[in-house]
């Protein structure tokens, strides 16, 4: 049981094992399978949506049926590719494609919403696709952040990653029901224009990548799903604070509604710092958690001072980017809750989330 800020986070993660590794001889997976989303289909089966990495770090999003034995996910059956870098803003000869899907069944809309990173000519940019059946996915296009004068900058100028929607409507900035999402803007523009430094928004003194929250107009999205791509009211939610978050933090799976509030699993990074969004070779990625206020999800109630899961196995310590556990999906199976995570940017693992009863 982890305690911080006089509140308790009564959850822990226990490692189950590896659920998916690159398929020998498959050119789409030659550089790894990692960082998946998940969704339950109308047929009742649970499906995994891994990032498949081909030569030159070109990514696609696949689909696989999760094989469950004795109530535990143990393997997958590959079912092909659901998104490839087909749009101009997703394409490049290398370091390109569609990456790191997070999938949320958004209850007020009755539809699965996939957020993914389109890695195109201007680096990583958030984009959306939707599906009524988990089989076919329709792109809605890149995410756009409305201009907020109080920030003194335009969020659309910056690369952004780790985008994920909440599954339920929440109180918006004006108190009305809204849809909310987490995102992770990166202020360093040196990758594009050397010497630009980190022109963070007004009031942001810590330029390390942090978790922000933004909102979507629920009524507009109910009339037209394209409104999901328009985000307003963005503000800083959580900056690096604990020792295991020293370099940066980012969101993980869709927030999970628990008795204590909204449980957010996130990754914290220590070690090597790199500019922009390059791979942080020499860094260590671990999984932590925080609780958000259900009446105001823009407020953190508490967070774990120590990680819930750290790289320990060979699969987590060695790979394309070693020393990494990177949670991206969470699902209930037969009354148990499982977290799916990237292992060293090369494989996919699964851990079980346990709730510990208070004394």
Protein backbone atom coordinates (compact mmCIF):
# COMPACT_ATOMS: atom_id res chain seq x y z
CA UNK A 1 0.00 0.00 0.00
CA UNK A 2 1.49 3.34 -1.08
CA UNK A 3 0.87 6.47 0.93
CA UNK A 4 1.50 10.14 0.09
CA UNK A 5 0.07 13.52 1.01
CA UNK A 6 -1.83 11.93 3.92
CA UNK A 7 -3.96 9.94 1.46
CA UNK A 8 -3.55 6.33 0.46
CA UNK A 9 -3.36 4.70 -2.96
CA UNK A 10 -4.33 1.11 -2.10
CA UNK A 11 -3.19 -0.45 -5.37
CA UNK A 12 -0.19 -2.44 -6.50
CA UNK A 13 0.97 -4.16 -9.68
CA UNK A 14 2.26 -7.72 -9.92
CA UNK A 15 3.98 -8.94 -13.07
CA UNK A 16 2.35 -11.80 -14.99
CA UNK A 17 4.66 -12.18 -18.00
CA UNK A 18 5.12 -11.51 -21.70
CA UNK A 19 2.02 -11.69 -23.89
CA UNK A 20 3.45 -10.69 -27.31
CA UNK A 21 6.90 -10.72 -28.91
CA UNK A 22 7.99 -9.92 -32.48
CA UNK A 23 7.04 -12.69 -34.89
CA UNK A 24 10.13 -14.17 -36.57
CA UNK A 25 10.20 -13.35 -40.27
CA UNK A 26 7.44 -10.73 -40.06
CA UNK A 27 8.86 -7.54 -41.67
CA UNK A 28 6.24 -5.38 -39.95
CA UNK A 29 7.57 -6.41 -36.52
CA UNK A 30 11.30 -6.56 -37.15
CA UNK A 31 11.99 -3.66 -34.74
CA UNK A 32 9.46 -4.61 -32.07
CA UNK A 33 5.85 -4.85 -30.87
CA UNK A 34 5.01 -2.50 -28.03
CA UNK A 35 2.77 0.03 -26.24
CA UNK A 36 -0.68 -1.39 -27.10
CA UNK A 37 -4.25 -0.27 -26.72
CA UNK A 38 -7.06 -2.70 -25.90
CA UNK A 39 -10.77 -2.93 -26.63
CA UNK A 40 -13.54 -5.44 -26.03
CA UNK A 41 -15.45 -6.31 -29.18
CA UNK A 42 -19.19 -6.89 -29.62
CA UNK A 43 -18.38 -10.62 -29.67
CA UNK A 44 -17.19 -10.40 -26.06
CA UNK A 45 -13.55 -11.06 -26.91
CA UNK A 46 -10.77 -8.75 -25.80
CA UNK A 47 -8.48 -7.39 -28.51
CA UNK A 48 -4.97 -5.99 -28.36
CA UNK A 49 -3.84 -3.14 -30.65
CA UNK A 50 -0.02 -3.21 -30.60
CA UNK A 51 2.32 -0.76 -32.22
CA UNK A 52 4.16 -2.78 -34.86
CA UNK A 53 7.58 -1.39 -35.80
CA UNK A 54 9.10 -2.18 -39.17
CA UNK A 55 12.58 -1.35 -40.47
CA UNK A 56 13.65 2.30 -40.11
CA UNK A 57 11.28 2.75 -37.14
CA UNK A 58 8.14 2.95 -39.29
CA UNK A 59 5.10 2.05 -37.19
CA UNK A 60 1.65 0.59 -37.81
CA UNK A 61 -1.16 -0.36 -35.44
CA UNK A 62 -2.16 -3.99 -35.49
CA UNK A 63 -5.05 -6.00 -34.08
CA UNK A 64 -4.82 -9.31 -32.21
CA UNK A 65 -7.27 -11.39 -30.20
CA UNK A 66 -6.09 -11.88 -26.63
CA UNK A 67 -6.02 -15.52 -25.62
CA UNK A 68 -7.12 -16.05 -22.02
CA UNK A 69 -6.44 -19.20 -20.01
CA UNK A 70 -7.78 -19.69 -16.49
CA UNK A 71 -8.78 -16.02 -16.40
CA UNK A 72 -5.30 -14.74 -17.31
CA UNK A 73 -4.18 -13.25 -20.67
CA UNK A 74 -1.34 -15.43 -21.94
CA UNK A 75 -0.99 -15.05 -25.72
CA UNK A 76 -2.41 -13.40 -28.85
CA UNK A 77 -3.77 -14.39 -32.25
CA UNK A 78 -2.66 -11.87 -34.89
CA UNK A 79 -5.44 -10.41 -37.06
CA UNK A 80 -3.60 -7.95 -39.27
CA UNK A 81 -3.21 -4.17 -39.37
CA UNK A 82 -5.97 -1.63 -38.64
CA UNK A 83 -4.02 1.62 -39.20
CA UNK A 84 -1.00 2.21 -41.43
CA UNK A 85 0.73 5.51 -42.22
CA UNK A 86 -1.52 6.31 -45.17
CA UNK A 87 -2.02 10.04 -44.63
CA UNK A 88 0.57 12.67 -45.52
CA UNK A 89 0.78 13.84 -41.93
CA UNK A 90 1.65 10.29 -40.82
CA UNK A 91 4.27 9.45 -43.44
CA UNK A 92 8.04 9.59 -43.71
CA UNK A 93 10.89 7.41 -44.90
CA UNK A 94 12.03 6.71 -41.37
CA UNK A 95 10.98 7.52 -37.79
CA UNK A 96 7.43 7.77 -39.05
CA UNK A 97 4.00 6.19 -38.90
CA UNK A 98 1.18 5.69 -36.43
CA UNK A 99 2.27 4.96 -32.88
CA UNK A 100 1.27 4.12 -29.31
CA UNK A 101 -2.54 3.77 -29.49
CA UNK A 102 -4.62 4.33 -26.36
CA UNK A 103 -8.22 3.15 -26.69
CA UNK A 104 -11.14 4.23 -24.51
CA UNK A 105 -14.76 3.19 -24.80
CA UNK A 106 -16.34 6.60 -24.26
CA UNK A 107 -19.67 5.76 -22.66
CA UNK A 108 -21.60 9.00 -23.40
CA UNK A 109 -20.89 8.47 -27.12
CA UNK A 110 -21.16 4.67 -27.18
CA UNK A 111 -18.04 4.36 -29.32
CA UNK A 112 -14.39 3.34 -29.05
CA UNK A 113 -12.01 6.28 -29.37
CA UNK A 114 -8.41 5.59 -30.33
CA UNK A 115 -5.84 8.27 -29.69
CA UNK A 116 -2.56 7.69 -31.45
CA UNK A 117 0.58 9.58 -32.38
CA UNK A 118 1.02 10.48 -36.03
CA UNK A 119 4.76 10.79 -36.56
CA UNK A 120 5.07 12.83 -39.73
CA UNK A 121 7.11 15.72 -41.12
CA UNK A 122 6.71 17.85 -37.96
CA UNK A 123 7.37 15.13 -35.43
CA UNK A 124 4.84 13.47 -33.13
CA UNK A 125 1.33 14.92 -33.27
CA UNK A 126 -1.82 13.51 -31.61
CA UNK A 127 -4.60 12.15 -33.82
CA UNK A 128 -7.90 10.30 -33.39
CA UNK A 129 -9.78 7.38 -34.91
CA UNK A 130 -13.12 5.88 -33.87
CA UNK A 131 -14.76 2.48 -34.20
CA UNK A 132 -18.23 1.11 -33.45
CA UNK A 133 -17.06 -2.51 -33.58
CA UNK A 134 -13.28 -2.53 -32.81
CA UNK A 135 -12.63 -3.91 -36.32
CA UNK A 136 -12.84 -0.92 -38.65
CA UNK A 137 -11.42 2.43 -37.59
CA UNK A 138 -12.27 5.81 -39.10
CA UNK A 139 -9.76 8.63 -38.80
CA UNK A 140 -11.06 11.91 -37.45
CA UNK A 141 -7.75 13.67 -38.06
CA UNK A 142 -5.18 15.49 -35.92
CA UNK A 143 -6.11 16.91 -32.52
CA UNK A 144 -6.38 20.72 -32.42
CA UNK A 145 -5.98 22.79 -29.28
CA UNK A 146 -8.02 25.98 -29.12
CA UNK A 147 -6.02 29.13 -28.46
CA UNK A 148 -5.91 30.14 -24.79
CA UNK A 149 -4.66 33.72 -24.32
CA UNK A 150 -3.75 33.07 -20.69
CA UNK A 151 -1.07 30.58 -21.80
CA UNK A 152 0.69 33.14 -23.97
CA UNK A 153 1.41 30.52 -26.62
CA UNK A 154 -0.31 28.13 -29.03
CA UNK A 155 -0.24 24.48 -27.95
CA UNK A 156 -0.48 23.42 -31.59
CA UNK A 157 3.11 24.59 -32.13
CA UNK A 158 4.50 21.82 -29.97
CA UNK A 159 4.93 18.08 -30.24
CA UNK A 160 2.52 16.17 -27.98
CA UNK A 161 2.25 12.56 -26.85
CA UNK A 162 0.55 10.22 -24.35
CA UNK A 163 -3.01 11.25 -25.27
CA UNK A 164 -5.87 9.33 -23.63
CA UNK A 165 -9.58 9.98 -23.01
CA UNK A 166 -11.51 9.44 -19.79
CA UNK A 167 -14.30 6.83 -20.25
CA UNK A 168 -17.06 8.92 -18.64
CA UNK A 169 -18.22 12.51 -18.71
CA UNK A 170 -16.60 14.66 -16.02
CA UNK A 171 -17.19 18.19 -14.74
CA UNK A 172 -15.64 20.61 -17.23
CA UNK A 173 -14.00 23.96 -16.46
CA UNK A 174 -17.45 25.63 -16.54
CA UNK A 175 -19.03 22.96 -14.34
CA UNK A 176 -21.03 21.38 -17.18
CA UNK A 177 -20.48 17.73 -18.18
CA UNK A 178 -17.58 17.41 -20.61
CA UNK A 179 -15.24 14.82 -22.02
CA UNK A 180 -11.68 15.02 -20.75
CA UNK A 181 -8.33 13.79 -22.00
CA UNK A 182 -4.76 13.73 -20.78
CA UNK A 183 -1.91 14.90 -22.97
CA UNK A 184 1.83 15.59 -22.70
CA UNK A 185 3.13 18.64 -24.63
CA UNK A 186 6.89 19.09 -25.06
CA UNK A 187 8.19 22.65 -25.06
CA UNK A 188 11.68 22.13 -26.49
CA UNK A 189 11.78 23.26 -30.13
CA UNK A 190 15.50 22.69 -30.66
CA UNK A 191 14.75 19.67 -32.84
CA UNK A 192 13.10 21.98 -35.39
CA UNK A 193 14.89 25.28 -34.89
CA UNK A 194 18.22 25.01 -33.05
CA UNK A 195 18.58 27.56 -30.30
CA UNK A 196 14.85 27.98 -29.69
CA UNK A 197 15.16 26.55 -26.20
CA UNK A 198 11.97 25.80 -24.31
CA UNK A 199 9.35 28.57 -24.68
CA UNK A 200 6.90 27.15 -22.16
CA UNK A 201 3.48 28.75 -21.58
CA UNK A 202 3.04 31.61 -19.15
CA UNK A 203 3.30 30.48 -15.54
CA UNK A 204 5.13 27.23 -16.35
CA UNK A 205 8.53 27.40 -14.66
CA UNK A 206 9.38 23.69 -14.90
CA UNK A 207 9.94 22.83 -18.58
CA UNK A 208 10.26 19.08 -18.07
CA UNK A 209 7.53 17.15 -19.96
CA UNK A 210 4.46 16.85 -17.71
CA UNK A 211 0.85 15.65 -17.82
CA UNK A 212 -1.81 18.15 -18.88
CA UNK A 213 -5.59 17.82 -18.95
CA UNK A 214 -7.90 19.22 -21.64
CA UNK A 215 -11.61 19.09 -22.40
CA UNK A 216 -13.94 18.39 -25.33
CA UNK A 217 -17.45 19.79 -25.67
CA UNK A 218 -19.70 16.79 -24.95
CA UNK A 219 -22.85 18.18 -26.61
CA UNK A 220 -20.97 18.99 -29.82
CA UNK A 221 -19.34 15.55 -29.87
CA UNK A 222 -22.74 13.89 -29.45
CA UNK A 223 -23.92 15.71 -32.57
CA UNK A 224 -20.73 15.34 -34.59
CA UNK A 225 -17.82 13.07 -33.65
CA UNK A 226 -15.36 15.38 -35.39
CA UNK A 227 -15.74 17.66 -32.34
CA UNK A 228 -13.60 15.12 -30.46
CA UNK A 229 -10.56 16.59 -32.18
CA UNK A 230 -11.11 20.09 -30.72
CA UNK A 231 -9.64 20.44 -27.22
CA UNK A 232 -10.14 23.47 -24.98
CA UNK A 233 -9.34 24.47 -21.41
CA UNK A 234 -5.95 22.74 -21.27
CA UNK A 235 -3.97 23.17 -18.08
CA UNK A 236 -1.09 21.54 -16.25
CA UNK A 237 -2.23 18.54 -14.20
CA UNK A 238 0.96 17.00 -12.80
CA UNK A 239 4.64 17.83 -13.23
CA UNK A 240 7.57 15.59 -12.29
CA UNK A 241 7.78 15.52 -8.51
CA UNK A 242 8.94 12.17 -7.18
CA UNK A 243 12.49 10.79 -7.57
CA UNK A 244 11.37 8.21 -10.17
CA UNK A 245 9.91 11.07 -12.27
CA UNK A 246 13.07 13.17 -12.30
CA UNK A 247 13.35 13.58 -16.09
CA UNK A 248 9.71 13.55 -17.20
CA UNK A 249 6.31 11.91 -16.78
CA UNK A 250 3.48 10.93 -19.12
CA UNK A 251 0.03 9.39 -18.97
CA UNK A 252 -0.67 5.70 -19.48
CA UNK A 253 -3.96 3.79 -19.84
CA UNK A 254 -7.39 5.43 -19.75
CA UNK A 255 -8.09 6.67 -16.21
CA UNK A 256 -9.91 4.04 -14.16
CA UNK A 257 -12.83 5.02 -11.92
CA UNK A 258 -12.20 3.58 -8.46
CA UNK A 259 -13.80 4.28 -5.05
CA UNK A 260 -11.08 6.79 -4.23
CA UNK A 261 -11.48 8.84 -7.45
CA UNK A 262 -9.83 8.49 -10.86
CA UNK A 263 -6.81 6.17 -10.82
CA UNK A 264 -4.21 7.23 -13.38
CA UNK A 265 -1.29 4.91 -14.11
CA UNK A 266 1.61 6.86 -15.59
CA UNK A 267 5.26 6.45 -16.47
CA UNK A 268 8.11 8.26 -14.79
CA UNK A 269 11.54 8.63 -16.34
CA UNK A 270 14.96 9.06 -14.74
CA UNK A 271 18.45 9.10 -16.17
CA UNK A 272 19.52 10.44 -19.54
CA UNK A 273 17.80 13.60 -20.71
CA UNK A 274 17.39 14.22 -24.43
CA UNK A 275 16.06 17.15 -26.37
CA UNK A 276 12.60 17.02 -27.88
CA UNK A 277 11.24 13.52 -28.34
CA UNK A 278 14.28 11.43 -29.23
CA UNK A 279 14.65 8.01 -27.66
CA UNK A 280 16.12 8.47 -24.19
CA UNK A 281 18.90 5.89 -24.34
CA UNK A 282 20.29 5.32 -20.86
CA UNK A 283 17.03 6.36 -19.18
CA UNK A 284 14.84 4.24 -16.90
CA UNK A 285 11.06 4.11 -17.35
CA UNK A 286 8.92 2.95 -14.42
CA UNK A 287 5.18 2.87 -13.72
CA UNK A 288 3.57 4.93 -10.97
CA UNK A 289 0.06 6.06 -10.08
CA UNK A 290 -1.92 9.09 -9.02
CA UNK A 291 -5.48 9.72 -7.89
CA UNK A 292 -7.57 12.54 -9.37
CA UNK A 293 -10.53 14.22 -7.70
CA UNK A 294 -13.77 12.81 -9.20
CA UNK A 295 -15.47 16.20 -8.75
CA UNK A 296 -12.56 17.98 -10.45
CA UNK A 297 -10.28 15.66 -12.46
CA UNK A 298 -7.93 18.59 -12.98
CA UNK A 299 -6.82 18.20 -9.35
CA UNK A 300 -4.40 15.53 -8.13
CA UNK A 301 -5.35 14.12 -4.74
CA UNK A 302 -2.19 12.10 -4.23
CA UNK A 303 0.47 10.13 -6.08
CA UNK A 304 2.82 7.25 -5.36
CA UNK A 305 6.23 8.31 -4.01
CA UNK A 306 7.68 5.05 -5.35
CA UNK A 307 6.88 3.23 -8.61
CA UNK A 308 4.45 0.32 -8.71
CA UNK A 309 6.44 -1.53 -11.40
CA UNK A 310 10.11 -1.23 -12.39
CA UNK A 311 12.17 -2.97 -15.10
CA UNK A 312 13.51 -6.24 -13.69
CA UNK A 313 13.17 -9.06 -16.23
CA UNK A 314 15.40 -9.61 -19.27
CA UNK A 315 12.50 -8.60 -21.53
CA UNK A 316 12.20 -5.26 -19.70
CA UNK A 317 15.92 -4.58 -19.39
CA UNK A 318 17.04 -5.44 -22.93
CA UNK A 319 15.53 -4.30 -26.21
CA UNK A 320 15.26 -1.40 -28.62
CA UNK A 321 15.20 0.93 -25.61
CA UNK A 322 16.24 -1.05 -22.57
CA UNK A 323 15.19 -0.53 -18.96
CA UNK A 324 11.56 0.29 -19.77
CA UNK A 325 8.10 -0.59 -18.47
CA UNK A 326 5.48 1.59 -20.15
CA UNK A 327 1.80 0.99 -19.21
CA UNK A 328 -0.74 1.82 -21.94
CA UNK A 329 -3.91 -0.24 -21.44
CA UNK A 330 -6.06 -1.60 -18.63
CA UNK A 331 -8.88 -4.17 -18.79
CA UNK A 332 -11.05 -6.31 -16.52
CA UNK A 333 -11.15 -10.04 -17.17
CA UNK A 334 -13.39 -12.27 -15.04
CA UNK A 335 -13.37 -9.79 -12.17
CA UNK A 336 -9.61 -9.21 -12.23
CA UNK A 337 -7.88 -6.11 -13.60
CA UNK A 338 -4.89 -6.41 -15.91
CA UNK A 339 -2.49 -3.77 -17.20
CA UNK A 340 -0.76 -4.17 -20.57
CA UNK A 341 2.60 -2.46 -20.99
CA UNK A 342 5.54 -2.03 -23.32
CA UNK A 343 8.73 -3.88 -22.39
CA UNK A 344 11.99 -2.23 -23.49
CA UNK A 345 10.24 -0.90 -26.63
CA UNK A 346 10.37 -4.45 -28.00
CA UNK A 347 7.66 -6.66 -26.44
CA UNK A 348 4.36 -6.45 -24.58
CA UNK A 349 3.87 -7.57 -21.02
CA UNK A 350 0.91 -7.92 -18.70
CA UNK A 351 0.62 -7.25 -14.97
CA UNK A 352 -2.28 -7.55 -12.56
CA UNK A 353 -3.62 -4.55 -10.64
CA UNK A 354 -4.54 -5.46 -7.08
CA UNK A 355 -6.54 -3.42 -4.62
CA UNK A 356 -5.40 -3.85 -1.06
CA UNK A 357 -8.04 -3.60 1.64
CA UNK A 358 -7.50 -0.92 4.25
CA UNK A 359 -6.67 -2.08 7.77
